[in-house]
Protein backbone atom coordinates (compact mmCIF):
# COMPACT_ATOMS: atom_id res chain seq x y z
CA MET A 1 26.24 19.40 -73.09
CA GLY A 2 27.76 20.39 -70.18
CA SER A 3 26.51 21.68 -67.04
CA ARG A 4 28.53 24.31 -65.30
CA PRO A 5 31.37 23.04 -63.23
CA ALA A 6 30.72 22.70 -59.50
CA ARG A 7 33.12 25.53 -58.80
CA ALA A 8 31.15 27.94 -60.98
CA ARG A 9 27.89 26.98 -59.24
CA ALA A 10 29.41 27.41 -55.78
CA THR A 11 30.78 30.91 -56.35
CA PRO A 12 27.41 32.79 -56.21
CA LEU A 13 26.33 30.68 -53.23
CA LEU A 14 29.57 31.48 -51.43
CA ALA A 15 29.10 35.20 -52.11
CA VAL A 16 25.59 35.11 -50.63
CA LEU A 17 26.78 33.20 -47.56
CA LEU A 18 29.62 35.68 -46.99
CA ALA A 19 27.23 38.62 -47.29
CA LEU A 20 24.86 37.05 -44.75
CA ALA A 21 27.74 36.33 -42.39
CA ALA A 22 28.87 39.95 -42.63
CA LEU A 23 25.38 41.20 -41.79
CA VAL A 24 25.09 38.89 -38.79
CA ALA A 25 28.57 39.76 -37.52
CA ALA A 26 28.13 43.54 -37.98
CA PRO A 27 27.67 45.37 -34.68
CA ALA A 28 24.23 46.77 -34.08
CA ALA A 29 23.91 50.52 -34.40
CA ALA A 30 24.25 52.21 -31.04
CA ALA A 31 21.07 53.62 -29.61
CA PRO A 32 21.05 57.41 -29.39
CA PRO A 33 21.89 58.74 -25.93
CA ALA A 34 19.01 59.60 -23.64
CA ALA A 35 18.00 63.26 -23.50
CA PRO A 36 19.62 65.09 -20.60
CA ASP A 37 17.52 65.96 -17.58
CA ILE A 38 17.57 69.76 -17.45
CA SER A 39 15.62 72.25 -15.37
CA ALA A 40 15.49 75.01 -17.99
CA GLN A 41 12.19 75.73 -19.71
CA ALA A 42 13.90 75.60 -23.10
CA ALA A 43 17.34 74.70 -24.44
CA VAL A 44 19.12 74.09 -27.73
CA VAL A 45 22.57 72.59 -28.30
CA ILE A 46 24.01 73.18 -31.77
CA ASP A 47 27.19 71.72 -33.28
CA ASP A 48 29.32 74.77 -34.06
CA ASP A 49 31.04 73.11 -37.02
CA THR A 50 28.02 71.68 -38.81
CA GLY A 51 25.11 73.71 -37.48
CA ALA A 52 23.30 70.47 -36.64
CA VAL A 53 20.89 70.61 -33.71
CA LEU A 54 22.17 68.04 -31.22
CA PHE A 55 19.50 68.61 -28.57
CA ALA A 56 16.35 70.70 -28.39
CA GLN A 57 13.77 71.15 -25.68
CA ASN A 58 10.94 73.61 -26.38
CA ALA A 59 13.20 75.21 -28.97
CA HIS A 60 10.39 77.22 -30.58
CA VAL A 61 8.74 78.50 -27.41
CA LEU A 62 8.99 82.28 -27.14
CA LEU A 63 10.60 83.19 -23.81
CA PRO A 64 12.19 86.38 -22.49
CA PRO A 65 15.98 86.44 -22.88
CA ALA A 66 18.20 85.57 -19.95
CA SER A 67 19.70 88.46 -18.02
CA LEU A 68 22.62 89.85 -20.02
CA THR A 69 24.32 90.82 -16.75
CA LYS A 70 24.28 87.20 -15.61
CA ILE A 71 25.53 85.95 -18.96
CA LEU A 72 28.34 88.51 -19.07
CA THR A 73 29.35 87.68 -15.50
CA ALA A 74 29.61 84.01 -16.45
CA VAL A 75 31.63 84.82 -19.60
CA VAL A 76 34.09 87.06 -17.75
CA THR A 77 34.50 84.47 -14.99
CA LEU A 78 35.19 81.71 -17.52
CA GLU A 79 37.69 83.91 -19.38
CA ARG A 80 39.63 84.72 -16.20
CA THR A 81 39.56 81.38 -14.36
CA TYR A 82 39.65 77.65 -14.93
CA LEU A 83 36.50 75.58 -14.50
CA SER A 84 38.23 73.61 -11.77
CA GLN A 85 39.21 76.78 -9.85
CA PRO A 86 36.84 77.96 -7.09
CA VAL A 87 35.71 81.59 -7.43
CA ARG A 88 35.11 83.85 -4.41
CA VAL A 89 32.45 86.56 -4.68
CA ARG A 90 34.28 89.77 -3.74
CA ALA A 91 31.67 92.46 -4.38
CA GLU A 92 29.86 94.03 -1.46
CA TRP A 93 26.10 94.56 -1.70
CA ASP A 94 26.46 98.34 -1.95
CA GLU A 95 28.77 97.91 -4.98
CA LEU A 96 25.95 96.22 -6.91
CA TYR A 97 24.04 99.45 -7.50
CA ASP A 98 21.10 99.10 -9.89
CA SER A 99 22.08 95.57 -10.87
CA SER A 100 20.89 92.05 -10.74
CA ILE A 101 22.62 90.39 -7.79
CA MET A 102 22.08 86.82 -9.02
CA GLY A 103 21.60 85.55 -5.49
CA LEU A 104 25.33 85.90 -4.76
CA THR A 105 26.63 86.72 -1.30
CA ALA A 106 29.91 88.55 -0.68
CA GLY A 107 32.56 86.03 0.35
CA GLU A 108 30.65 83.06 -1.12
CA VAL A 109 32.85 80.50 -2.90
CA LEU A 110 31.50 78.95 -6.09
CA SER A 111 32.95 75.99 -7.94
């Protein structure tokens, strides 16, 4: 009555050994990056394509909105310049009637 040939007995053992070798040789999963050090009270970064939240700090804390004037100034500046291009503040104080001045000084160069 025959026992299985040696080759037939070795095949499952070889498969197990190959699987173990693959697990040992597989690179370890990279650790997630450390959270950025930010000074804002709250922040959220969302992937535009997937909607996944990539970073959140105090995301559910109710805070007043940022100044729309400051946000619009930043948007217009980014639309009209390159990030690597310095920007000179050209407005005079008296031209900033009834507005948030953002701590800018006429003639100041920002980069």
